[in-house]
Amino acid sequence: MTVANPPLAIQRARLLKEVPPFRPVAVQLLNLVSDVSQPLPRVVSLLRTDAVLTAEVLRLANSPLLGCRSEIKNILQALAFLGMERVNSLIVTTAMRGLAGPASDNLARACWRHNLATAVLCEGLAPALRIGQERGYMAGLIHDIGRLALLRAFPNYEKALSEAAADGRNLLAIEKGLYGMDHTEAGRWLLAQWGCPLDLQIVASLHENPAAAAGRDRPLVCLVGAASQLADLMDFCEFAETPKSELAKIIEMIPEAAGKLCDFPGLSELVATRVNGIELSLG
């Protein structure tokens, strides 16, 4: 006899219970970053309300990854040297690393590295699409948050999805059948519950189907969708059996960035170096 899965409302409630939310400071800063009129003292005051998050950001800001010539000792210096958008991307990086959980979890680590590679690619390709680099980085980093959330909330997720991937089955359909929502729906719903910006919600929702994006959101969604496929092509896959798109097909999604993808082996090496560097900096 087939056992019916719990209603969607119960599954969503489990997500809220089991998945650690973004720190309130991180969510507020995500919403502030696009408002250049915000006074710097307000941003500094907000960051000072979360000593742990501030310490993590300062540790990352002082890593060799960013190459600052002198030590950054406080959040005001970080904002002065790096700018608000870069500081915000560091905050999102530390928040996402916390969500990924222990590095010993195989699928969680693969998801985390896939998100990192997608973020690094988005950052590098964003100018070709006239998108801010930090905006691209944050969108790429957060795009698969739904998968990390499902993995965190449901103990059977890794086994069920790994078996489905090995069999070549549609993973979105498997997720939907098991949990009443796939990872794109879970990601958008969680980001909405946490009060994150609408453009990041749309990226989480549509990155698997960028053609469905419309209006001003389309370039960012196409960038993230293409970068995610590029990350797979560079072997930053969440599942080893993930079907990989041809490079020419990916370029069709973001033709403006074709020139930056000419040296694919060199780009792959650069991305790997950045991903490994970020991981080392976060410890």
C-alpha atoms as a PDB file:
ATOM      1  CA  MET A   1       0.000   0.000   0.000  1.00  0.00           C
ATOM      2  CA  THR A   2       1.344   3.414  -0.983  1.00  0.00           C
ATOM      3  CA  VAL A   3       1.722   5.877   1.887  1.00  0.00           C
ATOM      4  CA  ALA A   4       0.573   9.369   0.995  1.00  0.00           C
ATOM      5  CA  ASN A   5       3.086  12.165   1.511  1.00  0.00           C
ATOM      6  CA  PRO A   6       2.206  14.864   4.068  1.00  0.00           C
ATOM      7  CA  PRO A   7       0.362  17.965   2.785  1.00  0.00           C
ATOM      8  CA  LEU A   8       2.466  20.795   1.350  1.00  0.00           C
ATOM      9  CA  ALA A   9       1.691  23.022   4.348  1.00  0.00           C
ATOM     10  CA  ILE A  10       3.250  20.456   6.689  1.00  0.00           C
ATOM     11  CA  GLN A  11       6.313  20.087   4.471  1.00  0.00           C
ATOM     12  CA  ARG A  12       6.766  23.853   4.399  1.00  0.00           C
ATOM     13  CA  ALA A  13       6.420  24.013   8.173  1.00  0.00           C
ATOM     14  CA  ARG A  14       9.191  21.441   8.413  1.00  0.00           C
ATOM     15  CA  LEU A  15      11.422  23.589   6.213  1.00  0.00           C
ATOM     16  CA  LEU A  16      10.924  26.557   8.529  1.00  0.00           C
ATOM     17  CA  LYS A  17      11.621  24.414  11.580  1.00  0.00           C
ATOM     18  CA  GLU A  18      14.686  22.522  10.339  1.00  0.00           C
ATOM     19  CA  VAL A  19      16.444  25.052   8.098  1.00  0.00           C
ATOM     20  CA  PRO A  20      18.404  27.741   9.973  1.00  0.00           C
ATOM     21  CA  PRO A  21      17.198  31.103   8.647  1.00  0.00           C
ATOM     22  CA  PHE A  22      19.491  33.801   7.385  1.00  0.00           C
ATOM     23  CA  ARG A  23      20.522  36.070  10.235  1.00  0.00           C
ATOM     24  CA  PRO A  24      18.177  39.088  10.448  1.00  0.00           C
ATOM     25  CA  VAL A  25      21.130  41.401   9.836  1.00  0.00           C
ATOM     26  CA  ALA A  26      21.981  39.580   6.606  1.00  0.00           C
ATOM     27  CA  VAL A  27      18.404  39.876   5.334  1.00  0.00           C
ATOM     28  CA  GLN A  28      18.237  43.588   6.183  1.00  0.00           C
ATOM     29  CA  LEU A  29      21.530  44.227   4.413  1.00  0.00           C
ATOM     30  CA  LEU A  30      20.373  42.307   1.355  1.00  0.00           C
ATOM     31  CA  ASN A  31      17.471  44.718   1.129  1.00  0.00           C
ATOM     32  CA  LEU A  32      19.660  47.763   1.802  1.00  0.00           C
ATOM     33  CA  VAL A  33      22.380  47.001  -0.728  1.00  0.00           C
ATOM     34  CA  SER A  34      20.465  48.291  -3.733  1.00  0.00           C
ATOM     35  CA  ASP A  35      19.625  51.575  -1.989  1.00  0.00           C
ATOM     36  CA  VAL A  36      22.641  53.823  -2.417  1.00  0.00           C
ATOM     37  CA  SER A  37      20.915  56.550  -0.377  1.00  0.00           C
ATOM     38  CA  GLN A  38      21.331  54.579   2.847  1.00  0.00           C
ATOM     39  CA  PRO A  39      23.707  56.445   5.194  1.00  0.00           C
ATOM     40  CA  LEU A  40      26.877  54.558   6.075  1.00  0.00           C
ATOM     41  CA  PRO A  41      26.390  54.940   9.862  1.00  0.00           C
ATOM     42  CA  ARG A  42      23.111  53.029   9.599  1.00  0.00           C
ATOM     43  CA  VAL A  43      24.831  50.142   7.867  1.00  0.00           C
ATOM     44  CA  VAL A  44      27.646  50.111  10.447  1.00  0.00           C
ATOM     45  CA  SER A  45      25.169  50.208  13.339  1.00  0.00           C
ATOM     46  CA  LEU A  46      23.230  47.345  11.828  1.00  0.00           C
ATOM     47  CA  LEU A  47      26.325  45.180  11.440  1.00  0.00           C
ATOM     48  CA  ARG A  48      27.439  45.888  14.998  1.00  0.00           C
ATOM     49  CA  THR A  49      24.277  44.267  16.332  1.00  0.00           C
ATOM     50  CA  ASP A  50      25.624  40.855  15.253  1.00  0.00           C
ATOM     51  CA  ALA A  51      29.118  40.361  16.667  1.00  0.00           C
ATOM     52  CA  VAL A  52      29.502  36.802  15.376  1.00  0.00           C
ATOM     53  CA  LEU A  53      28.575  37.720  11.817  1.00  0.00           C
ATOM     54  CA  THR A  54      30.833  40.784  11.928  1.00  0.00           C
ATOM     55  CA  ALA A  55      33.776  38.651  13.098  1.00  0.00           C
ATOM     56  CA  GLU A  56      33.196  36.158  10.279  1.00  0.00           C
ATOM     57  CA  VAL A  57      33.057  38.958   7.694  1.00  0.00           C
ATOM     58  CA  LEU A  58      36.274  40.551   9.017  1.00  0.00           C
ATOM     59  CA  ARG A  59      38.039  37.167   8.877  1.00  0.00           C
ATOM     60  CA  LEU A  60      37.021  36.727   5.250  1.00  0.00           C
ATOM     61  CA  ALA A  61      37.856  40.364   4.421  1.00  0.00           C
ATOM     62  CA  ASN A  62      41.401  39.825   5.718  1.00  0.00           C
ATOM     63  CA  SER A  63      41.936  36.590   3.801  1.00  0.00           C
ATOM     64  CA  PRO A  64      44.476  36.424   0.945  1.00  0.00           C
ATOM     65  CA  LEU A  65      41.478  35.970  -1.323  1.00  0.00           C
ATOM     66  CA  LEU A  66      40.760  39.711  -1.324  1.00  0.00           C
ATOM     67  CA  GLY A  67      44.379  40.833  -1.251  1.00  0.00           C
ATOM     68  CA  CYS A  68      44.006  43.856   1.043  1.00  0.00           C
ATOM     69  CA  ARG A  69      47.405  45.440   1.705  1.00  0.00           C
ATOM     70  CA  SER A  70      46.692  46.323   5.329  1.00  0.00           C
ATOM     71  CA  GLU A  71      44.698  44.617   8.058  1.00  0.00           C
ATOM     72  CA  ILE A  72      41.009  45.463   8.211  1.00  0.00           C
ATOM     73  CA  LYS A  73      40.264  45.809  11.916  1.00  0.00           C
ATOM     74  CA  ASN A  74      36.620  46.864  12.033  1.00  0.00           C
ATOM     75  CA  ILE A  75      33.484  46.920   9.930  1.00  0.00           C
ATOM     76  CA  LEU A  76      33.852  50.631   9.083  1.00  0.00           C
ATOM     77  CA  GLN A  77      37.249  49.926   7.544  1.00  0.00           C
ATOM     78  CA  ALA A  78      35.785  46.981   5.670  1.00  0.00           C
ATOM     79  CA  LEU A  79      33.087  49.189   4.179  1.00  0.00           C
ATOM     80  CA  ALA A  80      35.625  51.895   3.304  1.00  0.00           C
ATOM     81  CA  PHE A  81      38.101  49.508   1.628  1.00  0.00           C
ATOM     82  CA  LEU A  82      35.707  47.030   0.047  1.00  0.00           C
ATOM     83  CA  GLY A  83      32.441  48.925  -0.436  1.00  0.00           C
ATOM     84  CA  MET A  84      28.993  48.038   0.795  1.00  0.00           C
ATOM     85  CA  GLU A  85      28.172  45.590  -2.006  1.00  0.00           C
ATOM     86  CA  ARG A  86      31.362  43.546  -1.509  1.00  0.00           C
ATOM     87  CA  VAL A  87      30.817  43.441   2.266  1.00  0.00           C
ATOM     88  CA  ASN A  88      27.266  42.306   1.634  1.00  0.00           C
ATOM     89  CA  SER A  89      28.479  39.501  -0.631  1.00  0.00           C
ATOM     90  CA  LEU A  90      30.823  38.358   2.150  1.00  0.00           C
ATOM     91  CA  ILE A  91      27.871  38.306   4.544  1.00  0.00           C
ATOM     92  CA  VAL A  92      25.791  36.199   2.162  1.00  0.00           C
ATOM     93  CA  THR A  93      28.764  33.850   1.664  1.00  0.00           C
ATOM     94  CA  THR A  94      29.098  33.233   5.411  1.00  0.00           C
ATOM     95  CA  ALA A  95      25.321  32.812   5.765  1.00  0.00           C
ATOM     96  CA  MET A  96      25.160  30.273   2.929  1.00  0.00           C
ATOM     97  CA  ARG A  97      28.136  28.353   4.334  1.00  0.00           C
ATOM     98  CA  GLY A  98      26.257  27.975   7.607  1.00  0.00           C
ATOM     99  CA  LEU A  99      23.241  26.624   5.760  1.00  0.00           C
ATOM    100  CA  ALA A 100      25.365  24.073   3.912  1.00  0.00           C
ATOM    101  CA  GLY A 101      26.210  22.374   7.205  1.00  0.00           C
ATOM    102  CA  PRO A 102      29.208  20.110   7.938  1.00  0.00           C
ATOM    103  CA  ALA A 103      31.746  19.743   5.144  1.00  0.00           C
ATOM    104  CA  SER A 104      31.717  15.973   5.766  1.00  0.00           C
ATOM    105  CA  ASP A 105      28.232  15.669   4.218  1.00  0.00           C
ATOM    106  CA  ASN A 106      28.957  14.685   0.622  1.00  0.00           C
ATOM    107  CA  LEU A 107      25.906  16.123  -1.137  1.00  0.00           C
ATOM    108  CA  ALA A 108      25.829  19.241   1.046  1.00  0.00           C
ATOM    109  CA  ARG A 109      29.462  19.983   0.155  1.00  0.00           C
ATOM    110  CA  ALA A 110      28.824  19.313  -3.532  1.00  0.00           C
ATOM    111  CA  CYS A 111      25.848  21.709  -3.448  1.00  0.00           C
ATOM    112  CA  TRP A 112      27.898  24.341  -1.633  1.00  0.00           C
ATOM    113  CA  ARG A 113      30.760  24.124  -4.136  1.00  0.00           C
ATOM    114  CA  HIS A 114      28.314  24.213  -7.052  1.00  0.00           C
ATOM    115  CA  ASN A 115      26.762  27.392  -5.647  1.00  0.00           C
ATOM    116  CA  LEU A 116      30.200  28.932  -5.083  1.00  0.00           C
ATOM    117  CA  ALA A 117      31.333  28.132  -8.630  1.00  0.00           C
ATOM    118  CA  THR A 118      28.090  29.569 -10.017  1.00  0.00           C
ATOM    119  CA  ALA A 119      28.599  32.736  -7.958  1.00  0.00           C
ATOM    120  CA  VAL A 120      32.200  33.186  -9.154  1.00  0.00           C
ATOM    121  CA  LEU A 121      31.110  32.700 -12.768  1.00  0.00           C
ATOM    122  CA  CYS A 122      28.239  35.156 -12.390  1.00  0.00           C
ATOM    123  CA  GLU A 123      30.602  37.718 -10.906  1.00  0.00           C
ATOM    124  CA  GLY A 124      32.978  37.412 -13.852  1.00  0.00           C
ATOM    125  CA  LEU A 125      30.346  37.356 -16.594  1.00  0.00           C
ATOM    126  CA  ALA A 126      27.951  39.956 -15.145  1.00  0.00           C
ATOM    127  CA  PRO A 127      29.531  43.072 -16.739  1.00  0.00           C
ATOM    128  CA  ALA A 128      28.934  41.652 -20.225  1.00  0.00           C
ATOM    129  CA  LEU A 129      25.201  41.667 -19.430  1.00  0.00           C
ATOM    130  CA  ARG A 130      25.401  45.086 -17.716  1.00  0.00           C
ATOM    131  CA  ILE A 131      24.703  43.554 -14.338  1.00  0.00           C
ATOM    132  CA  GLY A 132      26.625  44.582 -11.224  1.00  0.00           C
ATOM    133  CA  GLN A 133      29.291  42.043 -10.295  1.00  0.00           C
ATOM    134  CA  GLU A 134      28.272  41.779  -6.641  1.00  0.00           C
ATOM    135  CA  ARG A 135      24.606  41.428  -7.601  1.00  0.00           C
ATOM    136  CA  GLY A 136      25.567  38.609  -9.952  1.00  0.00           C
ATOM    137  CA  TYR A 137      27.716  36.955  -7.282  1.00  0.00           C
ATOM    138  CA  MET A 138      24.942  37.002  -4.678  1.00  0.00           C
ATOM    139  CA  ALA A 139      22.340  35.704  -7.135  1.00  0.00           C
ATOM    140  CA  GLY A 140      24.625  32.850  -8.166  1.00  0.00           C
ATOM    141  CA  LEU A 141      25.469  31.982  -4.573  1.00  0.00           C
ATOM    142  CA  ILE A 142      21.854  31.804  -3.466  1.00  0.00           C
ATOM    143  CA  HIS A 143      20.276  30.204  -6.557  1.00  0.00           C
ATOM    144  CA  ASP A 144      20.175  26.611  -5.261  1.00  0.00           C
ATOM    145  CA  ILE A 145      19.279  27.456  -1.679  1.00  0.00           C
ATOM    146  CA  GLY A 146      16.150  25.327  -2.062  1.00  0.00           C
ATOM    147  CA  ARG A 147      18.230  22.186  -2.627  1.00  0.00           C
ATOM    148  CA  LEU A 148      20.332  22.873   0.464  1.00  0.00           C
ATOM    149  CA  ALA A 149      17.129  23.474   2.414  1.00  0.00           C
ATOM    150  CA  LEU A 150      15.471  20.216   1.302  1.00  0.00           C
ATOM    151  CA  LEU A 151      18.682  18.359   2.092  1.00  0.00           C
ATOM    152  CA  ARG A 152      18.741  19.886   5.577  1.00  0.00           C
ATOM    153  CA  ALA A 153      15.062  19.276   6.326  1.00  0.00           C
ATOM    154  CA  PHE A 154      14.527  15.770   4.955  1.00  0.00           C
ATOM    155  CA  PRO A 155      16.943  12.967   5.944  1.00  0.00           C
ATOM    156  CA  ASN A 156      15.965  10.799   2.950  1.00  0.00           C
ATOM    157  CA  TYR A 157      16.728  13.550   0.388  1.00  0.00           C
ATOM    158  CA  GLU A 158      20.333  12.597  -0.410  1.00  0.00           C
ATOM    159  CA  LYS A 159      19.629   8.884  -0.875  1.00  0.00           C
ATOM    160  CA  ALA A 160      16.431   9.399  -2.874  1.00  0.00           C
ATOM    161  CA  LEU A 161      17.890  12.036  -5.198  1.00  0.00           C
ATOM    162  CA  SER A 162      21.225  10.273  -5.658  1.00  0.00           C
ATOM    163  CA  GLU A 163      19.418   7.090  -6.718  1.00  0.00           C
ATOM    164  CA  ALA A 164      17.151   9.073  -9.045  1.00  0.00           C
ATOM    165  CA  ALA A 165      20.154  10.834 -10.603  1.00  0.00           C
ATOM    166  CA  ALA A 166      21.919   7.496 -11.138  1.00  0.00           C
ATOM    167  CA  ASP A 167      18.808   6.206 -12.917  1.00  0.00           C
ATOM    168  CA  GLY A 168      18.615   9.307 -15.108  1.00  0.00           C
ATOM    169  CA  ARG A 169      15.241  10.368 -13.755  1.00  0.00           C
ATOM    170  CA  ASN A 170      13.907  13.942 -13.644  1.00  0.00           C
ATOM    171  CA  LEU A 171      15.082  15.310 -10.297  1.00  0.00           C
ATOM    172  CA  LEU A 172      12.573  18.165 -10.179  1.00  0.00           C
ATOM    173  CA  ALA A 173       9.750  15.658 -10.614  1.00  0.00           C
ATOM    174  CA  ILE A 174      11.205  13.390  -7.923  1.00  0.00           C
ATOM    175  CA  GLU A 175      11.434  16.296  -5.476  1.00  0.00           C
ATOM    176  CA  LYS A 176       7.881  17.340  -6.257  1.00  0.00           C
ATOM    177  CA  GLY A 177       6.610  13.816  -5.744  1.00  0.00           C
ATOM    178  CA  LEU A 178       8.396  13.344  -2.430  1.00  0.00           C
ATOM    179  CA  TYR A 179       7.939  16.762  -0.818  1.00  0.00           C
ATOM    180  CA  GLY A 180       5.132  18.489  -2.700  1.00  0.00           C
ATOM    181  CA  MET A 181       7.641  21.055  -4.019  1.00  0.00           C
ATOM    182  CA  ASP A 182      10.838  20.966  -6.017  1.00  0.00           C
ATOM    183  CA  HIS A 183      13.969  22.819  -4.923  1.00  0.00           C
ATOM    184  CA  THR A 184      13.173  25.896  -7.037  1.00  0.00           C
ATOM    185  CA  GLU A 185       9.782  26.265  -5.340  1.00  0.00           C
ATOM    186  CA  ALA A 186      11.255  25.563  -1.918  1.00  0.00           C
ATOM    187  CA  GLY A 187      13.978  28.162  -2.475  1.00  0.00           C
ATOM    188  CA  ARG A 188      11.640  30.923  -3.543  1.00  0.00           C
ATOM    189  CA  TRP A 189       9.217  30.197  -0.706  1.00  0.00           C
ATOM    190  CA  LEU A 190      11.951  30.232   1.949  1.00  0.00           C
ATOM    191  CA  LEU A 191      13.514  33.452   0.661  1.00  0.00           C
ATOM    192  CA  ALA A 192      10.059  35.071   0.694  1.00  0.00           C
ATOM    193  CA  GLN A 193       9.466  33.911   4.267  1.00  0.00           C
ATOM    194  CA  TRP A 194      12.787  35.400   5.320  1.00  0.00           C
ATOM    195  CA  GLY A 195      12.012  38.711   3.582  1.00  0.00           C
ATOM    196  CA  CYS A 196      14.831  38.522   1.030  1.00  0.00           C
ATOM    197  CA  PRO A 197      14.757  40.699  -2.117  1.00  0.00           C
ATOM    198  CA  LEU A 198      12.317  39.765  -4.859  1.00  0.00           C
ATOM    199  CA  ASP A 199      14.989  39.452  -7.562  1.00  0.00           C
ATOM    200  CA  LEU A 200      16.751  36.738  -5.539  1.00  0.00           C
ATOM    201  CA  GLN A 201      13.440  34.951  -5.035  1.00  0.00           C
ATOM    202  CA  ILE A 202      12.892  34.957  -8.805  1.00  0.00           C
ATOM    203  CA  VAL A 203      16.400  33.615  -9.452  1.00  0.00           C
ATOM    204  CA  ALA A 204      15.786  30.748  -7.005  1.00  0.00           C
ATOM    205  CA  SER A 205      12.476  30.031  -8.725  1.00  0.00           C
ATOM    206  CA  LEU A 206      13.483  30.217 -12.403  1.00  0.00           C
ATOM    207  CA  HIS A 207      17.181  29.314 -12.683  1.00  0.00           C
ATOM    208  CA  GLU A 208      16.278  25.840 -13.986  1.00  0.00           C
ATOM    209  CA  ASN A 209      14.068  27.426 -16.667  1.00  0.00           C
ATOM    210  CA  PRO A 210      15.477  30.868 -17.555  1.00  0.00           C
ATOM    211  CA  ALA A 211      13.278  31.088 -20.659  1.00  0.00           C
ATOM    212  CA  ALA A 212      10.318  31.625 -18.340  1.00  0.00           C
ATOM    213  CA  ALA A 213      11.814  34.845 -16.949  1.00  0.00           C
ATOM    214  CA  ALA A 214      10.480  38.112 -18.302  1.00  0.00           C
ATOM    215  CA  GLY A 215      11.119  41.836 -18.110  1.00  0.00           C
ATOM    216  CA  ARG A 216      13.981  43.266 -16.124  1.00  0.00           C
ATOM    217  CA  ASP A 217      14.564  39.979 -14.251  1.00  0.00           C
ATOM    218  CA  ARG A 218      15.408  38.032 -17.412  1.00  0.00           C
ATOM    219  CA  PRO A 219      19.113  39.023 -17.793  1.00  0.00           C
ATOM    220  CA  LEU A 220      19.932  38.068 -14.181  1.00  0.00           C
ATOM    221  CA  VAL A 221      18.028  34.776 -14.369  1.00  0.00           C
ATOM    222  CA  CYS A 222      19.695  33.892 -17.701  1.00  0.00           C
ATOM    223  CA  LEU A 223      23.103  34.748 -16.246  1.00  0.00           C
ATOM    224  CA  VAL A 224      22.551  32.472 -13.237  1.00  0.00           C
ATOM    225  CA  GLY A 225      21.018  29.679 -15.310  1.00  0.00           C
ATOM    226  CA  ALA A 226      23.958  29.733 -17.711  1.00  0.00           C
ATOM    227  CA  ALA A 227      26.530  29.978 -14.921  1.00  0.00           C
ATOM    228  CA  SER A 228      24.963  27.003 -13.139  1.00  0.00           C
ATOM    229  CA  GLN A 229      25.289  24.917 -16.309  1.00  0.00           C
ATOM    230  CA  LEU A 230      28.858  26.133 -16.790  1.00  0.00           C
ATOM    231  CA  ALA A 231      29.641  25.060 -13.221  1.00  0.00           C
ATOM    232  CA  ASP A 232      28.328  21.580 -14.060  1.00  0.00           C
ATOM    233  CA  LEU A 233      30.498  21.532 -17.173  1.00  0.00           C
ATOM    234  CA  MET A 234      33.505  22.350 -14.949  1.00  0.00           C
ATOM    235  CA  ASP A 235      32.616  19.331 -12.779  1.00  0.00           C
ATOM    236  CA  PHE A 236      31.156  21.358  -9.939  1.00  0.00           C
ATOM    237  CA  CYS A 237      28.126  19.087 -10.125  1.00  0.00           C
ATOM    238  CA  GLU A 238      25.771  18.269  -7.293  1.00  0.00           C
ATOM    239  CA  PHE A 239      25.310  14.772  -8.740  1.00  0.00           C
ATOM    240  CA  ALA A 240      28.000  13.004 -10.764  1.00  0.00           C
ATOM    241  CA  GLU A 241      25.374  11.798 -13.222  1.00  0.00           C
ATOM    242  CA  THR A 242      24.061  15.310 -13.943  1.00  0.00           C
ATOM    243  CA  PRO A 243      23.539  15.703 -17.731  1.00  0.00           C
ATOM    244  CA  LYS A 244      25.840  18.427 -19.020  1.00  0.00           C
ATOM    245  CA  SER A 245      24.920  20.961 -21.664  1.00  0.00           C
ATOM    246  CA  GLU A 246      27.245  21.722 -24.544  1.00  0.00           C
ATOM    247  CA  LEU A 247      29.172  24.971 -24.209  1.00  0.00           C
ATOM    248  CA  ALA A 248      27.671  26.314 -27.450  1.00  0.00           C
ATOM    249  CA  LYS A 249      24.157  25.804 -26.076  1.00  0.00           C
ATOM    250  CA  ILE A 250      25.025  27.612 -22.855  1.00  0.00           C
ATOM    251  CA  ILE A 251      26.472  30.551 -24.790  1.00  0.00           C
ATOM    252  CA  GLU A 252      23.146  30.899 -26.596  1.00  0.00           C
ATOM    253  CA  MET A 253      21.619  31.857 -23.228  1.00  0.00           C
ATOM    254  CA  ILE A 254      24.103  34.706 -22.689  1.00  0.00           C
ATOM    255  CA  PRO A 255      25.545  35.611 -26.114  1.00  0.00           C
ATOM    256  CA  GLU A 256      26.825  38.919 -24.732  1.00  0.00           C
ATOM    257  CA  ALA A 257      29.367  36.965 -22.665  1.00  0.00           C
ATOM    258  CA  ALA A 258      30.644  34.758 -25.514  1.00  0.00           C
ATOM    259  CA  GLY A 259      34.004  36.538 -25.616  1.00  0.00           C
ATOM    260  CA  LYS A 260      34.673  35.705 -21.963  1.00  0.00           C
ATOM    261  CA  LEU A 261      34.081  32.007 -22.578  1.00  0.00           C
ATOM    262  CA  CYS A 262      36.618  31.556 -25.388  1.00  0.00           C
ATOM    263  CA  ASP A 263      39.300  30.162 -23.074  1.00  0.00           C
ATOM    264  CA  PHE A 264      37.138  27.658 -21.235  1.00  0.00           C
ATOM    265  CA  PRO A 265      40.032  25.620 -19.733  1.00  0.00           C
ATOM    266  CA  GLY A 266      41.600  28.814 -18.369  1.00  0.00           C
ATOM    267  CA  LEU A 267      38.281  29.985 -16.956  1.00  0.00           C
ATOM    268  CA  SER A 268      37.736  26.583 -15.330  1.00  0.00           C
ATOM    269  CA  GLU A 269      41.118  26.808 -13.618  1.00  0.00           C
ATOM    270  CA  LEU A 270      40.386  30.331 -12.401  1.00  0.00           C
ATOM    271  CA  VAL A 271      37.007  29.305 -10.982  1.00  0.00           C
ATOM    272  CA  ALA A 272      38.497  26.285  -9.211  1.00  0.00           C
ATOM    273  CA  THR A 273      41.183  28.485  -7.637  1.00  0.00           C
ATOM    274  CA  ARG A 274      38.577  30.975  -6.388  1.00  0.00           C
ATOM    275  CA  VAL A 275      36.251  28.289  -5.031  1.00  0.00           C
ATOM    276  CA  ASN A 276      39.064  26.554  -3.181  1.00  0.00           C
ATOM    277  CA  GLY A 277      40.304  29.880  -1.837  1.00  0.00           C
ATOM    278  CA  ILE A 278      36.881  30.832  -0.476  1.00  0.00           C
ATOM    279  CA  GLU A 279      36.535  27.429   1.185  1.00  0.00           C
ATOM    280  CA  LEU A 280      39.935  27.766   2.837  1.00  0.00           C
ATOM    281  CA  SER A 281      39.153  31.299   4.028  1.00  0.00           C
ATOM    282  CA  LEU A 282      35.917  30.170   5.651  1.00  0.00           C
ATOM    283  CA  GLY A 283      37.646  27.257   7.366  1.00  0.00           C
END
